[in-house]
N, C-alpha and C. Protein backbone atom coordinates (compact mmCIF):
# COMPACT_ATOMS: atom_id res chain seq x y z
N MET A 1 156.90 -123.09 -209.09
CA MET A 1 157.13 -123.22 -207.65
C MET A 1 156.02 -122.51 -206.88
N THR A 2 155.44 -123.21 -205.91
CA THR A 2 154.36 -122.65 -205.10
C THR A 2 154.93 -121.94 -203.88
N ILE A 3 154.47 -120.72 -203.63
CA ILE A 3 154.89 -119.95 -202.46
C ILE A 3 153.98 -120.29 -201.29
N ARG A 4 154.54 -120.82 -200.23
CA ARG A 4 153.79 -121.21 -199.04
C ARG A 4 153.70 -120.03 -198.08
N VAL A 5 152.47 -119.66 -197.73
CA VAL A 5 152.24 -118.44 -196.95
C VAL A 5 151.57 -118.76 -195.62
N LEU A 6 152.04 -118.09 -194.57
CA LEU A 6 151.40 -118.12 -193.26
C LEU A 6 150.75 -116.77 -193.00
N ILE A 7 149.47 -116.78 -192.62
CA ILE A 7 148.72 -115.56 -192.34
C ILE A 7 148.52 -115.41 -190.83
N ALA A 8 148.65 -114.19 -190.33
CA ALA A 8 148.33 -113.92 -188.92
C ALA A 8 147.48 -112.66 -188.83
N ASP A 9 146.26 -112.81 -188.33
CA ASP A 9 145.34 -111.69 -188.15
C ASP A 9 144.30 -112.11 -187.13
N ASP A 10 143.94 -111.22 -186.21
CA ASP A 10 143.01 -111.61 -185.16
C ASP A 10 141.55 -111.55 -185.58
N GLN A 11 141.26 -111.05 -186.78
CA GLN A 11 139.88 -110.99 -187.26
C GLN A 11 139.58 -112.16 -188.20
N ASP A 12 138.55 -112.94 -187.84
CA ASP A 12 138.21 -114.12 -188.62
C ASP A 12 137.93 -113.79 -190.08
N ILE A 13 137.17 -112.72 -190.29
CA ILE A 13 136.78 -112.39 -191.65
C ILE A 13 137.98 -111.98 -192.51
N VAL A 14 138.96 -111.34 -191.89
CA VAL A 14 140.17 -110.95 -192.63
C VAL A 14 141.00 -112.19 -192.97
N ARG A 15 141.20 -113.08 -192.00
CA ARG A 15 141.96 -114.31 -192.27
C ARG A 15 141.31 -115.11 -193.38
N THR A 16 139.97 -115.23 -193.30
CA THR A 16 139.25 -116.00 -194.32
C THR A 16 139.38 -115.35 -195.69
N GLY A 17 139.22 -114.03 -195.73
CA GLY A 17 139.31 -113.32 -197.01
C GLY A 17 140.69 -113.41 -197.63
N LEU A 18 141.72 -113.22 -196.82
CA LEU A 18 143.08 -113.32 -197.32
C LEU A 18 143.40 -114.73 -197.80
N THR A 19 142.92 -115.71 -197.04
CA THR A 19 143.17 -117.11 -197.43
C THR A 19 142.52 -117.41 -198.77
N MET A 20 141.28 -117.00 -198.96
CA MET A 20 140.58 -117.26 -200.22
C MET A 20 141.26 -116.53 -201.38
N LEU A 21 141.64 -115.29 -201.13
CA LEU A 21 142.29 -114.49 -202.18
C LEU A 21 143.62 -115.11 -202.61
N LEU A 22 144.42 -115.49 -201.64
CA LEU A 22 145.75 -116.02 -201.97
C LEU A 22 145.68 -117.43 -202.54
N ASN A 23 144.78 -118.25 -202.02
CA ASN A 23 144.65 -119.62 -202.55
C ASN A 23 144.11 -119.63 -203.97
N ALA A 24 143.49 -118.52 -204.39
CA ALA A 24 142.99 -118.41 -205.77
C ALA A 24 144.13 -118.15 -206.75
N GLN A 25 145.30 -117.78 -206.23
CA GLN A 25 146.45 -117.54 -207.11
C GLN A 25 147.07 -118.88 -207.49
N PRO A 26 147.52 -119.02 -208.73
CA PRO A 26 148.02 -120.32 -209.19
C PRO A 26 149.30 -120.78 -208.51
N ASP A 27 150.07 -119.86 -207.95
CA ASP A 27 151.37 -120.25 -207.39
C ASP A 27 151.53 -119.85 -205.93
N ILE A 28 150.40 -119.66 -205.22
CA ILE A 28 150.44 -119.34 -203.80
C ILE A 28 149.52 -120.29 -203.04
N GLU A 29 149.99 -120.77 -201.89
CA GLU A 29 149.19 -121.65 -201.04
C GLU A 29 149.31 -121.20 -199.59
N VAL A 30 148.17 -120.98 -198.95
CA VAL A 30 148.17 -120.64 -197.53
C VAL A 30 148.29 -121.93 -196.73
N VAL A 31 149.36 -122.05 -195.95
CA VAL A 31 149.63 -123.31 -195.23
C VAL A 31 149.28 -123.21 -193.75
N GLY A 32 148.94 -122.00 -193.28
CA GLY A 32 148.58 -121.86 -191.88
C GLY A 32 148.01 -120.49 -191.60
N ALA A 33 147.25 -120.39 -190.50
CA ALA A 33 146.66 -119.11 -190.12
C ALA A 33 146.68 -118.99 -188.60
N ALA A 34 147.14 -117.86 -188.11
CA ALA A 34 147.25 -117.61 -186.67
C ALA A 34 146.33 -116.47 -186.27
N THR A 35 145.88 -116.50 -185.00
CA THR A 35 144.97 -115.48 -184.50
C THR A 35 145.67 -114.42 -183.65
N ASP A 36 146.95 -114.64 -183.34
CA ASP A 36 147.72 -113.66 -182.58
C ASP A 36 149.20 -113.83 -182.90
N GLY A 37 149.99 -112.87 -182.45
CA GLY A 37 151.40 -112.90 -182.78
C GLY A 37 152.16 -114.06 -182.17
N ARG A 38 151.80 -114.45 -180.96
CA ARG A 38 152.49 -115.57 -180.32
C ARG A 38 152.28 -116.86 -181.09
N GLN A 39 151.03 -117.09 -181.49
CA GLN A 39 150.73 -118.28 -182.29
C GLN A 39 151.42 -118.20 -183.65
N ALA A 40 151.50 -116.99 -184.20
CA ALA A 40 152.15 -116.81 -185.50
C ALA A 40 153.62 -117.22 -185.45
N VAL A 41 154.31 -116.82 -184.39
CA VAL A 41 155.73 -117.18 -184.24
C VAL A 41 155.88 -118.69 -184.13
N ALA A 42 155.01 -119.31 -183.32
CA ALA A 42 155.09 -120.76 -183.13
C ALA A 42 154.82 -121.50 -184.44
N LEU A 43 153.78 -121.08 -185.17
CA LEU A 43 153.46 -121.73 -186.44
C LEU A 43 154.56 -121.52 -187.47
N ALA A 44 155.13 -120.32 -187.50
CA ALA A 44 156.19 -120.05 -188.46
C ALA A 44 157.39 -120.95 -188.22
N ARG A 45 157.75 -121.14 -186.97
CA ARG A 45 158.88 -122.00 -186.65
C ARG A 45 158.58 -123.46 -186.93
N GLN A 46 157.31 -123.81 -186.86
CA GLN A 46 156.91 -125.19 -187.14
C GLN A 46 156.79 -125.47 -188.63
N LEU A 47 156.18 -124.53 -189.37
CA LEU A 47 155.83 -124.76 -190.78
C LEU A 47 156.91 -124.27 -191.76
N HIS A 48 157.76 -123.34 -191.33
CA HIS A 48 158.79 -122.76 -192.21
C HIS A 48 158.20 -122.29 -193.54
N PRO A 49 157.24 -121.37 -193.50
CA PRO A 49 156.63 -120.88 -194.75
C PRO A 49 157.62 -120.07 -195.57
N ASP A 50 157.31 -119.89 -196.83
CA ASP A 50 158.16 -119.07 -197.70
C ASP A 50 157.98 -117.59 -197.40
N VAL A 51 156.75 -117.21 -197.02
CA VAL A 51 156.43 -115.82 -196.70
C VAL A 51 155.40 -115.80 -195.58
N CYS A 52 155.56 -114.86 -194.64
CA CYS A 52 154.56 -114.63 -193.60
C CYS A 52 153.84 -113.31 -193.89
N LEU A 53 152.55 -113.30 -193.69
CA LEU A 53 151.73 -112.11 -193.89
C LEU A 53 151.09 -111.77 -192.55
N PHE A 54 151.60 -110.73 -191.88
CA PHE A 54 151.20 -110.44 -190.51
C PHE A 54 150.47 -109.10 -190.40
N ASP A 55 149.38 -109.12 -189.64
CA ASP A 55 148.74 -107.87 -189.22
C ASP A 55 149.59 -107.25 -188.12
N ILE A 56 149.46 -105.95 -187.91
CA ILE A 56 150.26 -105.30 -186.86
C ILE A 56 149.58 -105.42 -185.50
N ARG A 57 148.31 -105.05 -185.43
CA ARG A 57 147.63 -105.01 -184.14
C ARG A 57 146.96 -106.34 -183.85
N MET A 58 147.61 -107.15 -183.01
CA MET A 58 147.08 -108.46 -182.63
C MET A 58 147.27 -108.64 -181.13
N PRO A 59 146.44 -109.47 -180.50
CA PRO A 59 146.58 -109.71 -179.05
C PRO A 59 147.80 -110.57 -178.73
N LEU A 60 148.19 -110.55 -177.46
CA LEU A 60 149.29 -111.34 -176.89
C LEU A 60 150.66 -110.88 -177.39
N MET A 61 150.78 -110.71 -178.71
CA MET A 61 152.02 -110.21 -179.29
C MET A 61 151.67 -109.54 -180.61
N ASP A 62 152.12 -108.31 -180.81
CA ASP A 62 151.75 -107.62 -182.06
C ASP A 62 152.61 -108.09 -183.23
N GLY A 63 152.23 -107.66 -184.42
CA GLY A 63 152.91 -108.12 -185.62
C GLY A 63 154.35 -107.65 -185.72
N ILE A 64 154.65 -106.50 -185.13
CA ILE A 64 156.03 -106.00 -185.18
C ILE A 64 156.95 -106.86 -184.31
N GLU A 65 156.49 -107.20 -183.12
CA GLU A 65 157.31 -108.06 -182.26
C GLU A 65 157.44 -109.46 -182.86
N ALA A 66 156.36 -109.97 -183.45
CA ALA A 66 156.43 -111.28 -184.11
C ALA A 66 157.44 -111.23 -185.26
N THR A 67 157.42 -110.13 -186.00
CA THR A 67 158.37 -109.97 -187.10
C THR A 67 159.80 -109.93 -186.57
N ARG A 68 160.02 -109.20 -185.49
CA ARG A 68 161.36 -109.09 -184.90
C ARG A 68 161.88 -110.46 -184.48
N ARG A 69 161.02 -111.29 -183.93
CA ARG A 69 161.46 -112.61 -183.46
C ARG A 69 161.77 -113.57 -184.61
N LEU A 70 161.15 -113.31 -185.77
CA LEU A 70 161.35 -114.22 -186.90
C LEU A 70 162.28 -113.67 -187.96
N ALA A 71 162.51 -112.34 -187.95
CA ALA A 71 163.29 -111.74 -189.03
C ALA A 71 164.19 -110.61 -188.57
N GLY A 72 164.32 -110.42 -187.27
CA GLY A 72 165.12 -109.32 -186.75
C GLY A 72 166.60 -109.48 -187.00
N PRO A 73 167.38 -108.46 -186.68
CA PRO A 73 168.82 -108.46 -186.94
C PRO A 73 169.57 -109.62 -186.29
N GLU A 74 169.05 -110.14 -185.19
CA GLU A 74 169.75 -111.21 -184.48
C GLU A 74 169.32 -112.60 -184.93
N VAL A 75 168.37 -112.67 -185.86
CA VAL A 75 167.88 -113.97 -186.34
C VAL A 75 168.83 -114.52 -187.40
N THR A 76 169.30 -115.73 -187.20
CA THR A 76 170.28 -116.33 -188.11
C THR A 76 169.68 -116.61 -189.48
N ASP A 77 168.49 -117.16 -189.50
CA ASP A 77 167.83 -117.51 -190.77
C ASP A 77 166.47 -116.82 -190.83
N PRO A 78 166.44 -115.52 -191.14
CA PRO A 78 165.19 -114.75 -191.07
C PRO A 78 164.17 -115.19 -192.11
N LEU A 79 162.91 -115.14 -191.72
CA LEU A 79 161.82 -115.45 -192.64
C LEU A 79 161.36 -114.17 -193.35
N PRO A 80 160.96 -114.29 -194.61
CA PRO A 80 160.41 -113.13 -195.32
C PRO A 80 159.02 -112.79 -194.76
N ILE A 81 158.85 -111.56 -194.32
CA ILE A 81 157.58 -111.15 -193.70
C ILE A 81 157.06 -109.89 -194.37
N VAL A 82 155.77 -109.92 -194.71
CA VAL A 82 155.06 -108.75 -195.21
C VAL A 82 154.06 -108.35 -194.14
N VAL A 83 154.10 -107.09 -193.73
CA VAL A 83 153.18 -106.57 -192.73
C VAL A 83 152.03 -105.87 -193.44
N ILE A 84 150.80 -106.18 -193.03
CA ILE A 84 149.62 -105.60 -193.65
C ILE A 84 148.72 -105.04 -192.55
N THR A 85 148.22 -103.82 -192.74
CA THR A 85 147.46 -103.18 -191.67
C THR A 85 146.48 -102.17 -192.24
N THR A 86 145.50 -101.81 -191.43
CA THR A 86 144.56 -100.75 -191.82
C THR A 86 145.08 -99.38 -191.38
N PHE A 87 146.18 -99.36 -190.61
CA PHE A 87 146.64 -98.12 -190.01
C PHE A 87 147.84 -97.55 -190.76
N ASP A 88 147.63 -96.43 -191.38
CA ASP A 88 148.66 -95.75 -192.18
C ASP A 88 149.44 -94.80 -191.27
N LEU A 89 150.21 -95.37 -190.35
CA LEU A 89 150.97 -94.57 -189.39
C LEU A 89 152.46 -94.83 -189.57
N ASP A 90 153.23 -93.74 -189.65
CA ASP A 90 154.66 -93.88 -189.88
C ASP A 90 155.36 -94.71 -188.80
N GLU A 91 154.89 -94.59 -187.55
CA GLU A 91 155.55 -95.34 -186.48
C GLU A 91 155.41 -96.84 -186.71
N TYR A 92 154.29 -97.27 -187.29
CA TYR A 92 154.12 -98.68 -187.59
C TYR A 92 155.05 -99.12 -188.72
N VAL A 93 155.15 -98.27 -189.74
CA VAL A 93 156.01 -98.61 -190.88
C VAL A 93 157.46 -98.67 -190.43
N HIS A 94 157.90 -97.68 -189.69
CA HIS A 94 159.27 -97.69 -189.17
C HIS A 94 159.52 -98.95 -188.35
N GLY A 95 158.58 -99.23 -187.45
CA GLY A 95 158.74 -100.40 -186.58
C GLY A 95 158.83 -101.69 -187.36
N ALA A 96 157.99 -101.82 -188.39
CA ALA A 96 157.99 -103.04 -189.19
C ALA A 96 159.29 -103.22 -189.94
N LEU A 97 159.79 -102.15 -190.56
CA LEU A 97 161.03 -102.26 -191.32
C LEU A 97 162.23 -102.48 -190.41
N LYS A 98 162.27 -101.80 -189.28
CA LYS A 98 163.37 -102.00 -188.34
C LYS A 98 163.34 -103.42 -187.78
N ALA A 99 162.15 -104.01 -187.68
CA ALA A 99 162.03 -105.37 -187.16
C ALA A 99 162.42 -106.42 -188.20
N GLY A 100 162.56 -106.00 -189.47
CA GLY A 100 163.00 -106.94 -190.50
C GLY A 100 161.98 -107.27 -191.56
N ALA A 101 160.84 -106.57 -191.58
CA ALA A 101 159.82 -106.86 -192.59
C ALA A 101 160.33 -106.55 -194.00
N ARG A 102 159.88 -107.33 -194.96
CA ARG A 102 160.24 -107.11 -196.36
C ARG A 102 159.13 -106.43 -197.15
N GLY A 103 158.08 -106.06 -196.48
CA GLY A 103 157.00 -105.37 -197.17
C GLY A 103 156.05 -104.75 -196.17
N PHE A 104 155.37 -103.70 -196.59
CA PHE A 104 154.38 -103.05 -195.75
C PHE A 104 153.24 -102.60 -196.65
N LEU A 105 152.05 -103.13 -196.38
CA LEU A 105 150.89 -102.81 -197.20
C LEU A 105 149.70 -102.43 -196.32
N LEU A 106 148.83 -101.59 -196.88
CA LEU A 106 147.54 -101.34 -196.25
C LEU A 106 146.54 -102.37 -196.74
N LYS A 107 145.53 -102.65 -195.94
CA LYS A 107 144.58 -103.70 -196.29
C LYS A 107 143.72 -103.35 -197.49
N ASP A 108 143.72 -102.08 -197.88
CA ASP A 108 142.98 -101.70 -199.08
C ASP A 108 143.87 -101.68 -200.32
N ALA A 109 145.05 -102.30 -200.23
CA ALA A 109 146.00 -102.26 -201.34
C ALA A 109 145.47 -102.98 -202.58
N GLY A 110 144.63 -103.98 -202.40
CA GLY A 110 144.09 -104.72 -203.54
C GLY A 110 144.87 -106.00 -203.79
N PRO A 111 144.23 -106.97 -204.45
CA PRO A 111 144.84 -108.27 -204.69
C PRO A 111 146.14 -108.21 -205.47
N ALA A 112 146.21 -107.35 -206.48
CA ALA A 112 147.40 -107.31 -207.34
C ALA A 112 148.64 -106.91 -206.56
N LEU A 113 148.52 -105.84 -205.75
CA LEU A 113 149.67 -105.37 -204.99
C LEU A 113 150.03 -106.36 -203.88
N LEU A 114 149.02 -106.98 -203.29
CA LEU A 114 149.27 -107.96 -202.24
C LEU A 114 150.05 -109.15 -202.78
N THR A 115 149.62 -109.69 -203.89
CA THR A 115 150.33 -110.83 -204.46
C THR A 115 151.72 -110.44 -204.94
N GLN A 116 151.86 -109.21 -205.43
CA GLN A 116 153.18 -108.75 -205.86
C GLN A 116 154.12 -108.63 -204.66
N ALA A 117 153.60 -108.15 -203.53
CA ALA A 117 154.42 -108.04 -202.33
C ALA A 117 154.87 -109.41 -201.84
N ILE A 118 153.99 -110.40 -201.93
CA ILE A 118 154.34 -111.75 -201.51
C ILE A 118 155.41 -112.33 -202.43
N HIS A 119 155.25 -112.13 -203.74
CA HIS A 119 156.26 -112.61 -204.67
C HIS A 119 157.59 -111.90 -204.43
N ALA A 120 157.54 -110.60 -204.18
CA ALA A 120 158.77 -109.84 -203.94
C ALA A 120 159.48 -110.36 -202.69
N ALA A 121 158.72 -110.59 -201.61
CA ALA A 121 159.32 -111.10 -200.38
C ALA A 121 159.94 -112.47 -200.60
N ALA A 122 159.24 -113.33 -201.34
CA ALA A 122 159.75 -114.67 -201.61
C ALA A 122 161.04 -114.61 -202.44
N ASP A 123 161.16 -113.58 -203.26
CA ASP A 123 162.35 -113.43 -204.11
C ASP A 123 163.47 -112.67 -203.42
N GLY A 124 163.27 -112.32 -202.15
CA GLY A 124 164.30 -111.59 -201.43
C GLY A 124 164.23 -110.10 -201.61
N ASP A 125 163.14 -109.61 -202.20
CA ASP A 125 162.98 -108.18 -202.46
C ASP A 125 162.05 -107.59 -201.40
N ALA A 126 161.73 -106.32 -201.54
CA ALA A 126 160.84 -105.65 -200.59
C ALA A 126 159.92 -104.70 -201.33
N LEU A 127 158.70 -104.58 -200.84
CA LEU A 127 157.73 -103.69 -201.46
C LEU A 127 156.93 -103.00 -200.38
N ILE A 128 156.76 -101.69 -200.51
CA ILE A 128 155.99 -100.90 -199.56
C ILE A 128 154.84 -100.24 -200.29
N ALA A 129 153.70 -100.12 -199.63
CA ALA A 129 152.55 -99.48 -200.24
C ALA A 129 152.93 -98.10 -200.78
N PRO A 130 152.65 -97.84 -202.06
CA PRO A 130 153.02 -96.54 -202.65
C PRO A 130 152.48 -95.35 -201.87
N SER A 131 151.34 -95.50 -201.22
CA SER A 131 150.73 -94.38 -200.50
C SER A 131 151.57 -93.90 -199.33
N VAL A 132 152.47 -94.76 -198.82
CA VAL A 132 153.29 -94.34 -197.68
C VAL A 132 154.77 -94.27 -198.02
N THR A 133 155.14 -94.68 -199.22
CA THR A 133 156.55 -94.83 -199.55
C THR A 133 157.34 -93.54 -199.45
N VAL A 134 156.88 -92.48 -200.10
CA VAL A 134 157.68 -91.27 -200.22
C VAL A 134 157.99 -90.65 -198.87
N ARG A 135 156.95 -90.39 -198.06
CA ARG A 135 157.21 -89.73 -196.78
C ARG A 135 157.93 -90.67 -195.82
N LEU A 136 157.61 -91.97 -195.90
CA LEU A 136 158.27 -92.94 -195.04
C LEU A 136 159.75 -92.98 -195.29
N LEU A 137 160.13 -93.17 -196.54
CA LEU A 137 161.53 -93.37 -196.86
C LEU A 137 162.36 -92.12 -196.61
N ALA A 138 161.75 -90.97 -196.79
CA ALA A 138 162.46 -89.73 -196.50
C ALA A 138 162.84 -89.68 -195.02
N ALA A 139 161.92 -90.09 -194.16
CA ALA A 139 162.19 -90.11 -192.72
C ALA A 139 163.09 -91.27 -192.35
N PHE A 140 162.82 -92.43 -192.92
CA PHE A 140 163.58 -93.65 -192.59
C PHE A 140 165.04 -93.49 -192.98
N ALA A 141 165.29 -92.86 -194.12
CA ALA A 141 166.66 -92.67 -194.60
C ALA A 141 167.46 -91.80 -193.63
N ARG A 142 166.79 -90.88 -192.95
CA ARG A 142 167.49 -90.00 -192.02
C ARG A 142 167.85 -90.71 -190.72
N SER A 143 167.11 -91.78 -190.40
CA SER A 143 167.32 -92.42 -189.11
C SER A 143 168.04 -93.76 -189.19
N GLN A 144 168.24 -94.28 -190.40
CA GLN A 144 168.86 -95.59 -190.56
C GLN A 144 170.10 -95.51 -191.43
N LYS A 145 170.98 -96.49 -191.24
CA LYS A 145 172.16 -96.58 -192.10
C LYS A 145 171.76 -97.30 -193.38
N GLY A 146 171.78 -96.61 -194.49
CA GLY A 146 171.39 -97.20 -195.75
C GLY A 146 172.60 -97.70 -196.51
N PRO A 147 172.45 -97.95 -197.80
CA PRO A 147 173.56 -98.40 -198.62
C PRO A 147 174.62 -97.32 -198.75
N SER A 148 175.76 -97.68 -199.33
CA SER A 148 176.89 -96.77 -199.41
C SER A 148 176.53 -95.49 -200.14
N ALA A 149 177.12 -94.36 -199.69
CA ALA A 149 176.80 -93.06 -200.26
C ALA A 149 177.25 -92.95 -201.71
N GLN A 150 178.36 -93.59 -202.04
CA GLN A 150 178.88 -93.53 -203.40
C GLN A 150 178.72 -94.89 -204.07
N PRO A 151 178.18 -94.92 -205.29
CA PRO A 151 178.04 -96.21 -205.98
C PRO A 151 179.39 -96.83 -206.31
N ILE A 152 179.42 -98.16 -206.36
CA ILE A 152 180.64 -98.87 -206.74
C ILE A 152 181.05 -98.49 -208.15
N GLU A 153 180.05 -98.35 -209.02
CA GLU A 153 180.26 -97.88 -210.38
C GLU A 153 179.25 -96.78 -210.66
N PRO A 154 179.55 -95.84 -211.56
CA PRO A 154 178.57 -94.80 -211.89
C PRO A 154 177.27 -95.41 -212.43
N LEU A 155 176.15 -94.79 -212.08
CA LEU A 155 174.87 -95.26 -212.59
C LEU A 155 174.69 -94.80 -214.04
N THR A 156 174.08 -95.65 -214.83
CA THR A 156 173.76 -95.26 -216.20
C THR A 156 172.54 -94.36 -216.19
N SER A 157 172.30 -93.68 -217.30
CA SER A 157 171.13 -92.81 -217.37
C SER A 157 169.84 -93.61 -217.22
N ARG A 158 169.80 -94.81 -217.76
CA ARG A 158 168.60 -95.65 -217.63
C ARG A 158 168.42 -96.09 -216.19
N GLU A 159 169.50 -96.41 -215.49
CA GLU A 159 169.39 -96.79 -214.09
C GLU A 159 168.87 -95.63 -213.26
N GLU A 160 169.30 -94.42 -213.57
CA GLU A 160 168.78 -93.24 -212.89
C GLU A 160 167.28 -93.10 -213.15
N GLN A 161 166.85 -93.40 -214.38
CA GLN A 161 165.43 -93.31 -214.73
C GLN A 161 164.61 -94.35 -213.98
N VAL A 162 165.18 -95.51 -213.74
CA VAL A 162 164.48 -96.57 -213.01
C VAL A 162 164.46 -96.25 -211.51
N LEU A 163 165.53 -95.67 -211.01
CA LEU A 163 165.66 -95.41 -209.58
C LEU A 163 164.59 -94.46 -209.05
N LEU A 164 164.28 -93.42 -209.79
CA LEU A 164 163.32 -92.42 -209.31
C LEU A 164 161.94 -93.02 -209.05
N PRO A 165 161.34 -93.74 -210.00
CA PRO A 165 160.02 -94.32 -209.69
C PRO A 165 160.07 -95.38 -208.59
N VAL A 166 161.21 -96.05 -208.43
CA VAL A 166 161.34 -96.97 -207.29
C VAL A 166 161.19 -96.19 -205.99
N ALA A 167 161.84 -95.03 -205.91
CA ALA A 167 161.75 -94.19 -204.71
C ALA A 167 160.35 -93.63 -204.51
N GLN A 168 159.56 -93.59 -205.58
CA GLN A 168 158.19 -93.09 -205.50
C GLN A 168 157.19 -94.20 -205.19
N GLY A 169 157.70 -95.42 -205.03
CA GLY A 169 156.85 -96.54 -204.67
C GLY A 169 156.14 -97.21 -205.82
N ARG A 170 156.59 -96.97 -207.04
CA ARG A 170 155.93 -97.56 -208.20
C ARG A 170 156.39 -99.01 -208.39
N THR A 171 155.50 -99.82 -208.91
CA THR A 171 155.79 -101.23 -209.10
C THR A 171 156.61 -101.45 -210.37
N ASN A 172 157.15 -102.66 -210.51
CA ASN A 172 157.94 -102.98 -211.70
C ASN A 172 157.13 -102.82 -212.98
N SER A 173 155.87 -103.26 -212.95
CA SER A 173 155.04 -103.17 -214.15
C SER A 173 154.75 -101.72 -214.51
N GLU A 174 154.54 -100.88 -213.49
CA GLU A 174 154.31 -99.46 -213.74
C GLU A 174 155.55 -98.79 -214.30
N ILE A 175 156.71 -99.14 -213.75
CA ILE A 175 157.96 -98.58 -214.25
C ILE A 175 158.19 -99.01 -215.70
N ALA A 176 157.91 -100.27 -215.98
CA ALA A 176 158.09 -100.79 -217.34
C ALA A 176 157.20 -100.03 -218.33
N ALA A 177 155.95 -99.80 -217.93
CA ALA A 177 155.02 -99.10 -218.82
C ALA A 177 155.46 -97.65 -219.03
N ASP A 178 155.90 -97.00 -217.97
CA ASP A 178 156.31 -95.60 -218.07
C ASP A 178 157.54 -95.42 -218.96
N LEU A 179 158.48 -96.36 -218.87
CA LEU A 179 159.74 -96.24 -219.61
C LEU A 179 159.73 -97.01 -220.93
N HIS A 180 158.60 -97.67 -221.20
CA HIS A 180 158.45 -98.43 -222.46
C HIS A 180 159.52 -99.52 -222.58
N ILE A 181 159.70 -100.25 -221.47
CA ILE A 181 160.61 -101.39 -221.46
C ILE A 181 159.86 -102.56 -220.83
N SER A 182 160.44 -103.74 -220.90
CA SER A 182 159.77 -104.92 -220.36
C SER A 182 160.02 -105.03 -218.86
N PRO A 183 159.11 -105.71 -218.12
CA PRO A 183 159.34 -105.92 -216.68
C PRO A 183 160.65 -106.63 -216.39
N SER A 184 161.04 -107.56 -217.25
CA SER A 184 162.31 -108.27 -217.03
C SER A 184 163.49 -107.32 -217.15
N THR A 185 163.38 -106.33 -218.05
CA THR A 185 164.44 -105.32 -218.17
C THR A 185 164.51 -104.46 -216.92
N VAL A 186 163.34 -104.14 -216.35
CA VAL A 186 163.32 -103.39 -215.09
C VAL A 186 164.05 -104.19 -214.01
N LYS A 187 163.78 -105.49 -213.93
CA LYS A 187 164.43 -106.32 -212.93
C LYS A 187 165.95 -106.34 -213.12
N THR A 188 166.37 -106.36 -214.39
CA THR A 188 167.80 -106.34 -214.68
C THR A 188 168.44 -105.05 -214.17
N HIS A 189 167.77 -103.93 -214.41
CA HIS A 189 168.28 -102.65 -213.94
C HIS A 189 168.29 -102.60 -212.41
N LEU A 190 167.26 -103.14 -211.78
CA LEU A 190 167.21 -103.15 -210.32
C LEU A 190 168.35 -103.98 -209.74
N ALA A 191 168.63 -105.12 -210.35
CA ALA A 191 169.73 -105.96 -209.89
C ALA A 191 171.06 -105.22 -210.01
N SER A 192 171.22 -104.49 -211.10
CA SER A 192 172.45 -103.73 -211.29
C SER A 192 172.55 -102.60 -210.27
N LEU A 193 171.43 -101.92 -210.01
CA LEU A 193 171.42 -100.86 -209.01
C LEU A 193 171.77 -101.39 -207.62
N MET A 194 171.21 -102.53 -207.26
CA MET A 194 171.52 -103.11 -205.95
C MET A 194 172.99 -103.45 -205.83
N ARG A 195 173.57 -103.98 -206.91
CA ARG A 195 174.99 -104.31 -206.88
C ARG A 195 175.83 -103.05 -206.73
N LYS A 196 175.53 -102.04 -207.52
CA LYS A 196 176.34 -100.82 -207.51
C LYS A 196 176.20 -100.04 -206.20
N LEU A 197 175.02 -100.12 -205.57
CA LEU A 197 174.77 -99.35 -204.37
C LEU A 197 174.89 -100.18 -203.09
N ASP A 198 175.26 -101.45 -203.26
CA ASP A 198 175.38 -102.34 -202.11
C ASP A 198 174.09 -102.36 -201.30
N ALA A 199 172.98 -102.45 -202.02
CA ALA A 199 171.65 -102.45 -201.41
C ALA A 199 171.07 -103.85 -201.45
N ARG A 200 170.32 -104.21 -200.44
CA ARG A 200 169.74 -105.55 -200.37
C ARG A 200 168.40 -105.66 -201.08
N ASN A 201 167.69 -104.54 -201.23
CA ASN A 201 166.36 -104.59 -201.80
C ASN A 201 165.95 -103.20 -202.28
N ARG A 202 164.74 -103.09 -202.83
CA ARG A 202 164.30 -101.81 -203.38
C ARG A 202 164.04 -100.76 -202.31
N VAL A 203 163.79 -101.18 -201.08
CA VAL A 203 163.64 -100.22 -200.00
C VAL A 203 164.94 -99.45 -199.81
N GLU A 204 166.06 -100.16 -199.81
CA GLU A 204 167.35 -99.49 -199.64
C GLU A 204 167.71 -98.66 -200.87
N LEU A 205 167.28 -99.09 -202.04
CA LEU A 205 167.47 -98.27 -203.24
C LEU A 205 166.74 -96.94 -203.07
N ALA A 206 165.50 -97.02 -202.60
CA ALA A 206 164.70 -95.81 -202.41
C ALA A 206 165.31 -94.92 -201.34
N MET A 207 165.81 -95.53 -200.28
CA MET A 207 166.47 -94.75 -199.23
C MET A 207 167.66 -93.99 -199.79
N TRP A 208 168.46 -94.66 -200.62
CA TRP A 208 169.64 -94.01 -201.22
C TRP A 208 169.23 -92.85 -202.11
N ALA A 209 168.15 -93.05 -202.85
CA ALA A 209 167.66 -91.98 -203.73
C ALA A 209 167.26 -90.76 -202.92
N HIS A 210 166.61 -90.99 -201.76
CA HIS A 210 166.24 -89.87 -200.90
C HIS A 210 167.48 -89.23 -200.27
N GLU A 211 168.41 -90.06 -199.80
CA GLU A 211 169.61 -89.55 -199.16
C GLU A 211 170.43 -88.66 -200.09
N THR A 212 170.45 -89.00 -201.36
CA THR A 212 171.29 -88.28 -202.32
C THR A 212 170.53 -87.20 -203.09
N GLY A 213 169.30 -86.91 -202.65
CA GLY A 213 168.56 -85.80 -203.23
C GLY A 213 167.97 -86.04 -204.60
N ARG A 214 167.86 -87.28 -205.01
CA ARG A 214 167.33 -87.58 -206.33
C ARG A 214 165.81 -87.45 -206.41
N THR A 215 165.15 -87.32 -205.29
CA THR A 215 163.69 -87.25 -205.30
C THR A 215 163.19 -85.82 -205.14
N THR A 216 164.09 -84.85 -205.03
CA THR A 216 163.68 -83.47 -204.83
C THR A 216 163.66 -82.72 -206.15
């Protein structure tokens, strides 16, 4: 299955670079590119992409407002959106997640993490740049309502082992290598954790880990 992606960035060289990078992936196709947030919203509603990749700082409408209009709490059928920016500022990360983004990356994240974030968003998951995950989630957990404080069922020791690196922003492949298990086994544990904690994605898993003191 090919993941159809819409890109929005006001810099020509960035749009071109992202388009070339993503189109080089065997299962990703860039179906549109916007130069500002207003155009991004219009194209998204017209093209119905599988994932949107939005810059934050754009003219006419920024990426956070565009995200809110396409994926905010009041949107009936939200689109998966990954926000990508050169600015490592907590206010941007908070704004993007509150607006409904499923991922937040810096532009120096590299092709591997970028494609992983797009796949995660397409699968209904969320991924945040590891460089901002720990401090972000600690603050975000204090200001947002996360998953339930008590798990539906007790966590297994292996699930606890998987949960900590998730809260540290590590990827599935990194967790698999660290724990000497397969990536598919990591996904199985993540699915179980989401069910037990009533969490929608790995961001909420990480928030719960911070809320319950598992990262200290």
